[in-house]
Amino acid sequence: MQSQLKTTPAASPQPPVQQGMLRPALTLFVALSIVTGLLYPGVVTGIARAVFPHEAAGSLIVRDGKVVGSELIGQPFSDPKYFWGRLSATAPMPYNAAASVGSNLGPTNPALTDAAKARIDALREADPGNDKPVPVDLVTASGSGLDPHISPAAAQYQAARVARLRGVPLAKVEALIAANTRSPGLDVFGEPGVNVLKLNLALDAMK
């Protein structure tokens, strides 16, 4: 019996990448990179700087030629002569713009209760004669940990203390609060808020 030789078919060579497909792909890649990476950001930035120069620069606050902060990022204050802002859960320091985060503490977490009690104790110690209820935003952190605003009620709660320690009429301090209170967008969206940094700078500039 004649043996049959089994042969395996030769593997067909892989077709080379067609130059006609590669060139359009590379062209599209380069074109989109230029448009989305250079042209579009440049145009948008240019329009923003022309139409909204203050906002495009970061809403910076300048005093005596120096940048002292931004309207968009809060700063910690603990001196009783100043208004205090909200608590901040950012690490390693409060109001760290490079580490925006909320506390992520649940309502039954003892750490949340302890932080609120510590802030209440500090407020009471700074103003022993104030027996009004403490506004909730003074004892809680915002979702970002960077909120520059407090509620008008939180500012009013501290007004008498600030006026007394600075030796100025309460009416003057209340006028500054009103001047630094922002209204909700279109008087519909959000809640009124007082910018703590701007208010404290106005206090220092008060004659």
C-alpha atoms as a PDB file:
ATOM      1  CA  MET A   1       0.000   0.000   0.000  1.00  0.00           C
ATOM      2  CA  GLN A   2       1.374   3.265  -0.986  1.00  0.00           C
ATOM      3  CA  SER A   3       1.761   5.625   1.944  1.00  0.00           C
ATOM      4  CA  GLN A   4       0.079   8.938   1.591  1.00  0.00           C
ATOM      5  CA  LEU A   5       2.063  11.984   2.503  1.00  0.00           C
ATOM      6  CA  LYS A   6       0.158  14.526   4.509  1.00  0.00           C
ATOM      7  CA  THR A   7       1.075  18.058   3.758  1.00  0.00           C
ATOM      8  CA  THR A   8      -0.054  21.135   5.601  1.00  0.00           C
ATOM      9  CA  PRO A   9      -1.046  24.114   3.523  1.00  0.00           C
ATOM     10  CA  ALA A  10       1.392  26.977   3.644  1.00  0.00           C
ATOM     11  CA  ALA A  11       0.244  29.902   5.741  1.00  0.00           C
ATOM     12  CA  SER A  12      -0.904  32.747   3.612  1.00  0.00           C
ATOM     13  CA  PRO A  13       1.174  35.888   4.135  1.00  0.00           C
ATOM     14  CA  GLN A  14      -0.454  38.725   6.055  1.00  0.00           C
ATOM     15  CA  PRO A  15      -1.423  41.551   3.772  1.00  0.00           C
ATOM     16  CA  PRO A  16       0.792  44.593   4.260  1.00  0.00           C
ATOM     17  CA  VAL A  17      -0.707  47.735   5.698  1.00  0.00           C
ATOM     18  CA  GLN A  18      -2.015  49.633   2.792  1.00  0.00           C
ATOM     19  CA  GLN A  19      -0.467  53.030   2.424  1.00  0.00           C
ATOM     20  CA  GLY A  20      -3.804  54.365   1.278  1.00  0.00           C
ATOM     21  CA  MET A  21      -5.325  53.634   4.721  1.00  0.00           C
ATOM     22  CA  LEU A  22      -2.387  54.734   6.853  1.00  0.00           C
ATOM     23  CA  ARG A  23      -1.959  58.177   5.377  1.00  0.00           C
ATOM     24  CA  PRO A  24      -5.560  59.395   5.996  1.00  0.00           C
ATOM     25  CA  ALA A  25      -5.437  58.028   9.559  1.00  0.00           C
ATOM     26  CA  LEU A  26      -2.211  59.878  10.350  1.00  0.00           C
ATOM     27  CA  THR A  27      -3.490  63.025   8.674  1.00  0.00           C
ATOM     28  CA  LEU A  28      -6.700  62.922  10.704  1.00  0.00           C
ATOM     29  CA  PHE A  29      -4.769  62.278  13.915  1.00  0.00           C
ATOM     30  CA  VAL A  30      -2.438  65.232  13.365  1.00  0.00           C
ATOM     31  CA  ALA A  31      -5.285  67.525  12.290  1.00  0.00           C
ATOM     32  CA  LEU A  32      -7.468  66.695  15.298  1.00  0.00           C
ATOM     33  CA  SER A  33      -4.492  67.054  17.647  1.00  0.00           C
ATOM     34  CA  ILE A  34      -3.839  70.547  16.327  1.00  0.00           C
ATOM     35  CA  VAL A  35      -7.506  71.578  16.392  1.00  0.00           C
ATOM     36  CA  THR A  36      -8.456  70.140  19.785  1.00  0.00           C
ATOM     37  CA  GLY A  37      -5.085  70.542  21.485  1.00  0.00           C
ATOM     38  CA  LEU A  38      -4.016  73.970  20.217  1.00  0.00           C
ATOM     39  CA  LEU A  39      -6.549  75.927  18.178  1.00  0.00           C
ATOM     40  CA  TYR A  40      -9.732  75.300  20.203  1.00  0.00           C
ATOM     41  CA  PRO A  41      -8.167  75.903  23.655  1.00  0.00           C
ATOM     42  CA  GLY A  42      -6.369  78.967  22.309  1.00  0.00           C
ATOM     43  CA  VAL A  43      -9.534  80.482  20.832  1.00  0.00           C
ATOM     44  CA  VAL A  44     -11.622  79.777  23.933  1.00  0.00           C
ATOM     45  CA  THR A  45      -8.918  81.168  26.234  1.00  0.00           C
ATOM     46  CA  GLY A  46      -8.556  84.269  24.068  1.00  0.00           C
ATOM     47  CA  ILE A  47     -12.306  84.925  24.068  1.00  0.00           C
ATOM     48  CA  ALA A  48     -12.475  84.377  27.834  1.00  0.00           C
ATOM     49  CA  ARG A  49      -9.632  86.805  28.484  1.00  0.00           C
ATOM     50  CA  ALA A  50     -11.214  89.400  26.229  1.00  0.00           C
ATOM     51  CA  VAL A  51     -14.780  89.093  27.536  1.00  0.00           C
ATOM     52  CA  PHE A  52     -14.230  87.903  31.132  1.00  0.00           C
ATOM     53  CA  PRO A  53     -10.638  88.865  32.018  1.00  0.00           C
ATOM     54  CA  HIS A  54     -11.139  88.667  35.796  1.00  0.00           C
ATOM     55  CA  GLU A  55     -12.796  85.260  35.731  1.00  0.00           C
ATOM     56  CA  ALA A  56     -10.382  83.852  33.135  1.00  0.00           C
ATOM     57  CA  ALA A  57      -7.454  84.747  35.394  1.00  0.00           C
ATOM     58  CA  GLY A  58      -8.941  82.774  38.296  1.00  0.00           C
ATOM     59  CA  SER A  59     -11.024  85.503  39.980  1.00  0.00           C
ATOM     60  CA  LEU A  60      -7.918  86.578  41.880  1.00  0.00           C
ATOM     61  CA  ILE A  61      -8.121  89.157  44.662  1.00  0.00           C
ATOM     62  CA  VAL A  62      -5.266  91.672  44.629  1.00  0.00           C
ATOM     63  CA  ARG A  63      -4.390  93.999  47.510  1.00  0.00           C
ATOM     64  CA  ASP A  64      -1.468  96.440  47.386  1.00  0.00           C
ATOM     65  CA  GLY A  65      -0.192  94.803  44.227  1.00  0.00           C
ATOM     66  CA  LYS A  66      -0.145  91.306  45.727  1.00  0.00           C
ATOM     67  CA  VAL A  67      -2.464  88.374  45.109  1.00  0.00           C
ATOM     68  CA  VAL A  68      -4.038  87.478  48.459  1.00  0.00           C
ATOM     69  CA  GLY A  69      -6.398  84.769  47.250  1.00  0.00           C
ATOM     70  CA  SER A  70      -9.234  83.905  44.916  1.00  0.00           C
ATOM     71  CA  GLU A  71     -12.934  84.610  45.152  1.00  0.00           C
ATOM     72  CA  LEU A  72     -13.513  80.938  44.331  1.00  0.00           C
ATOM     73  CA  ILE A  73     -11.403  79.267  47.045  1.00  0.00           C
ATOM     74  CA  GLY A  74     -11.911  79.762  50.758  1.00  0.00           C
ATOM     75  CA  GLN A  75      -9.200  80.344  53.340  1.00  0.00           C
ATOM     76  CA  PRO A  76      -9.066  79.266  57.001  1.00  0.00           C
ATOM     77  CA  PHE A  77      -9.604  81.947  59.649  1.00  0.00           C
ATOM     78  CA  SER A  78      -9.393  81.301  63.395  1.00  0.00           C
ATOM     79  CA  ASP A  79      -8.763  84.794  64.804  1.00  0.00           C
ATOM     80  CA  PRO A  80     -11.985  85.923  66.553  1.00  0.00           C
ATOM     81  CA  LYS A  81     -11.570  89.378  64.977  1.00  0.00           C
ATOM     82  CA  TYR A  82     -12.350  87.826  61.606  1.00  0.00           C
ATOM     83  CA  PHE A  83     -15.341  85.979  60.239  1.00  0.00           C
ATOM     84  CA  TRP A  84     -14.845  82.231  60.127  1.00  0.00           C
ATOM     85  CA  GLY A  85     -15.739  80.133  57.120  1.00  0.00           C
ATOM     86  CA  ARG A  86     -16.928  76.572  56.856  1.00  0.00           C
ATOM     87  CA  LEU A  87     -14.976  73.571  58.053  1.00  0.00           C
ATOM     88  CA  SER A  88     -12.695  71.955  55.486  1.00  0.00           C
ATOM     89  CA  ALA A  89     -11.803  68.268  55.215  1.00  0.00           C
ATOM     90  CA  THR A  90      -8.879  68.695  52.814  1.00  0.00           C
ATOM     91  CA  ALA A  91      -5.451  67.363  53.770  1.00  0.00           C
ATOM     92  CA  PRO A  92      -2.821  68.027  54.912  1.00  0.00           C
ATOM     93  CA  MET A  93      -4.282  71.457  55.661  1.00  0.00           C
ATOM     94  CA  PRO A  94      -7.713  73.089  55.430  1.00  0.00           C
ATOM     95  CA  TYR A  95      -8.703  74.640  52.100  1.00  0.00           C
ATOM     96  CA  ASN A  96      -5.942  72.854  50.181  1.00  0.00           C
ATOM     97  CA  ALA A  97      -6.922  73.540  46.571  1.00  0.00           C
ATOM     98  CA  ALA A  98      -4.727  70.676  45.358  1.00  0.00           C
ATOM     99  CA  ALA A  99      -6.728  68.119  47.348  1.00  0.00           C
ATOM    100  CA  SER A 100     -10.384  69.105  47.048  1.00  0.00           C
ATOM    101  CA  VAL A 101     -12.524  66.565  48.888  1.00  0.00           C
ATOM    102  CA  GLY A 102     -15.490  66.292  51.199  1.00  0.00           C
ATOM    103  CA  SER A 103     -15.331  64.654  54.602  1.00  0.00           C
ATOM    104  CA  ASN A 104     -17.285  61.613  53.339  1.00  0.00           C
ATOM    105  CA  LEU A 105     -18.459  61.064  56.911  1.00  0.00           C
ATOM    106  CA  GLY A 106     -21.912  59.581  57.370  1.00  0.00           C
ATOM    107  CA  PRO A 107     -24.447  61.185  59.725  1.00  0.00           C
ATOM    108  CA  THR A 108     -23.851  58.464  62.332  1.00  0.00           C
ATOM    109  CA  ASN A 109     -20.052  58.693  62.195  1.00  0.00           C
ATOM    110  CA  PRO A 110     -18.661  59.842  65.589  1.00  0.00           C
ATOM    111  CA  ALA A 111     -15.912  61.804  63.821  1.00  0.00           C
ATOM    112  CA  LEU A 112     -18.550  64.027  62.193  1.00  0.00           C
ATOM    113  CA  THR A 113     -20.200  64.677  65.556  1.00  0.00           C
ATOM    114  CA  ASP A 114     -16.848  65.369  67.215  1.00  0.00           C
ATOM    115  CA  ALA A 115     -15.862  67.880  64.520  1.00  0.00           C
ATOM    116  CA  ALA A 116     -19.189  69.700  64.856  1.00  0.00           C
ATOM    117  CA  LYS A 117     -18.915  69.804  68.659  1.00  0.00           C
ATOM    118  CA  ALA A 118     -15.354  71.105  68.476  1.00  0.00           C
ATOM    119  CA  ARG A 119     -16.411  73.938  66.165  1.00  0.00           C
ATOM    120  CA  ILE A 120     -19.398  74.799  68.382  1.00  0.00           C
ATOM    121  CA  ASP A 121     -17.116  74.916  71.427  1.00  0.00           C
ATOM    122  CA  ALA A 122     -14.679  77.194  69.578  1.00  0.00           C
ATOM    123  CA  LEU A 123     -17.493  79.536  68.533  1.00  0.00           C
ATOM    124  CA  ARG A 124     -18.887  79.652  72.077  1.00  0.00           C
ATOM    125  CA  GLU A 125     -15.444  80.299  73.528  1.00  0.00           C
ATOM    126  CA  ALA A 126     -14.816  83.144  71.086  1.00  0.00           C
ATOM    127  CA  ASP A 127     -18.205  84.721  71.871  1.00  0.00           C
ATOM    128  CA  PRO A 128     -19.408  83.558  75.316  1.00  0.00           C
ATOM    129  CA  GLY A 129     -22.405  85.881  75.402  1.00  0.00           C
ATOM    130  CA  ASN A 130     -23.861  84.596  72.143  1.00  0.00           C
ATOM    131  CA  ASP A 131     -26.561  82.059  72.957  1.00  0.00           C
ATOM    132  CA  LYS A 132     -28.144  81.980  69.493  1.00  0.00           C
ATOM    133  CA  PRO A 133     -28.368  78.669  67.611  1.00  0.00           C
ATOM    134  CA  VAL A 134     -25.236  78.053  65.554  1.00  0.00           C
ATOM    135  CA  PRO A 135     -26.010  77.967  61.798  1.00  0.00           C
ATOM    136  CA  VAL A 136     -25.392  74.526  60.365  1.00  0.00           C
ATOM    137  CA  ASP A 137     -22.912  75.665  57.713  1.00  0.00           C
ATOM    138  CA  LEU A 138     -20.510  76.830  60.441  1.00  0.00           C
ATOM    139  CA  VAL A 139     -20.195  73.302  61.823  1.00  0.00           C
ATOM    140  CA  THR A 140     -20.133  71.271  58.590  1.00  0.00           C
ATOM    141  CA  ALA A 141     -17.734  70.994  55.656  1.00  0.00           C
ATOM    142  CA  SER A 142     -18.732  71.593  52.058  1.00  0.00           C
ATOM    143  CA  GLY A 143     -18.551  68.873  49.427  1.00  0.00           C
ATOM    144  CA  SER A 144     -15.390  70.365  47.931  1.00  0.00           C
ATOM    145  CA  GLY A 145     -13.753  71.494  51.158  1.00  0.00           C
ATOM    146  CA  LEU A 146     -13.024  74.804  49.400  1.00  0.00           C
ATOM    147  CA  ASP A 147     -16.312  76.711  49.675  1.00  0.00           C
ATOM    148  CA  PRO A 148     -15.484  80.439  50.000  1.00  0.00           C
ATOM    149  CA  HIS A 149     -18.998  81.366  51.149  1.00  0.00           C
ATOM    150  CA  ILE A 150     -21.078  81.135  54.280  1.00  0.00           C
ATOM    151  CA  SER A 151     -24.770  81.869  54.603  1.00  0.00           C
ATOM    152  CA  PRO A 152     -25.924  85.365  55.599  1.00  0.00           C
ATOM    153  CA  ALA A 153     -27.204  83.784  58.828  1.00  0.00           C
ATOM    154  CA  ALA A 154     -23.709  82.453  59.593  1.00  0.00           C
ATOM    155  CA  ALA A 155     -22.234  85.904  59.006  1.00  0.00           C
ATOM    156  CA  GLN A 156     -24.867  87.589  61.172  1.00  0.00           C
ATOM    157  CA  TYR A 157     -24.186  85.065  63.931  1.00  0.00           C
ATOM    158  CA  GLN A 158     -20.571  86.288  64.089  1.00  0.00           C
ATOM    159  CA  ALA A 159     -21.221  89.992  63.501  1.00  0.00           C
ATOM    160  CA  ALA A 160     -21.514  91.061  67.149  1.00  0.00           C
ATOM    161  CA  ARG A 161     -18.285  89.275  68.086  1.00  0.00           C
ATOM    162  CA  VAL A 162     -16.325  90.866  65.251  1.00  0.00           C
ATOM    163  CA  ALA A 163     -17.751  94.327  65.965  1.00  0.00           C
ATOM    164  CA  ARG A 164     -16.957  94.065  69.673  1.00  0.00           C
ATOM    165  CA  LEU A 165     -13.385  92.845  69.215  1.00  0.00           C
ATOM    166  CA  ARG A 166     -12.657  95.474  66.583  1.00  0.00           C
ATOM    167  CA  GLY A 167     -14.334  98.265  68.516  1.00  0.00           C
ATOM    168  CA  VAL A 168     -16.608  99.322  65.671  1.00  0.00           C
ATOM    169  CA  PRO A 169     -20.396  99.791  65.535  1.00  0.00           C
ATOM    170  CA  LEU A 170     -22.385  96.654  64.793  1.00  0.00           C
ATOM    171  CA  ALA A 171     -24.259  98.523  62.061  1.00  0.00           C
ATOM    172  CA  LYS A 172     -20.987  99.042  60.179  1.00  0.00           C
ATOM    173  CA  VAL A 173     -20.167  95.362  60.260  1.00  0.00           C
ATOM    174  CA  GLU A 174     -23.684  94.448  59.150  1.00  0.00           C
ATOM    175  CA  ALA A 175     -23.364  96.874  56.237  1.00  0.00           C
ATOM    176  CA  LEU A 176     -20.178  95.100  55.147  1.00  0.00           C
ATOM    177  CA  ILE A 177     -21.988  91.767  55.317  1.00  0.00           C
ATOM    178  CA  ALA A 178     -24.727  93.099  53.066  1.00  0.00           C
ATOM    179  CA  ALA A 179     -22.172  94.535  50.625  1.00  0.00           C
ATOM    180  CA  ASN A 180     -20.412  91.179  50.311  1.00  0.00           C
ATOM    181  CA  THR A 181     -23.528  89.025  49.999  1.00  0.00           C
ATOM    182  CA  ARG A 182     -24.114  87.547  46.559  1.00  0.00           C
ATOM    183  CA  SER A 183     -27.599  86.808  45.299  1.00  0.00           C
ATOM    184  CA  PRO A 184     -28.555  83.461  43.723  1.00  0.00           C
ATOM    185  CA  GLY A 185     -28.012  83.226  39.982  1.00  0.00           C
ATOM    186  CA  LEU A 186     -30.884  85.009  38.253  1.00  0.00           C
ATOM    187  CA  ASP A 187     -32.384  85.247  41.755  1.00  0.00           C
ATOM    188  CA  VAL A 188     -33.441  81.622  41.299  1.00  0.00           C
ATOM    189  CA  PHE A 189     -30.490  79.224  41.378  1.00  0.00           C
ATOM    190  CA  GLY A 190     -28.737  78.465  44.658  1.00  0.00           C
ATOM    191  CA  GLU A 191     -28.748  80.320  47.948  1.00  0.00           C
ATOM    192  CA  PRO A 192     -27.416  83.741  48.978  1.00  0.00           C
ATOM    193  CA  GLY A 193     -23.824  83.570  50.192  1.00  0.00           C
ATOM    194  CA  VAL A 194     -21.238  85.809  51.839  1.00  0.00           C
ATOM    195  CA  ASN A 195     -17.660  85.609  50.562  1.00  0.00           C
ATOM    196  CA  VAL A 196     -15.605  85.236  53.744  1.00  0.00           C
ATOM    197  CA  LEU A 197     -12.257  86.352  52.318  1.00  0.00           C
ATOM    198  CA  LYS A 198     -13.692  89.474  50.693  1.00  0.00           C
ATOM    199  CA  LEU A 199     -15.615  90.301  53.865  1.00  0.00           C
ATOM    200  CA  ASN A 200     -12.509  89.989  56.040  1.00  0.00           C
ATOM    201  CA  LEU A 201     -10.473  92.101  53.630  1.00  0.00           C
ATOM    202  CA  ALA A 202     -13.214  94.734  53.778  1.00  0.00           C
ATOM    203  CA  LEU A 203     -12.973  94.637  57.572  1.00  0.00           C
ATOM    204  CA  ASP A 204      -9.233  95.298  57.454  1.00  0.00           C
ATOM    205  CA  ALA A 205      -9.782  98.175  55.026  1.00  0.00           C
ATOM    206  CA  MET A 206     -12.515  99.720  57.154  1.00  0.00           C
ATOM    207  CA  LYS A 207     -11.699 103.154  58.548  1.00  0.00           C
END
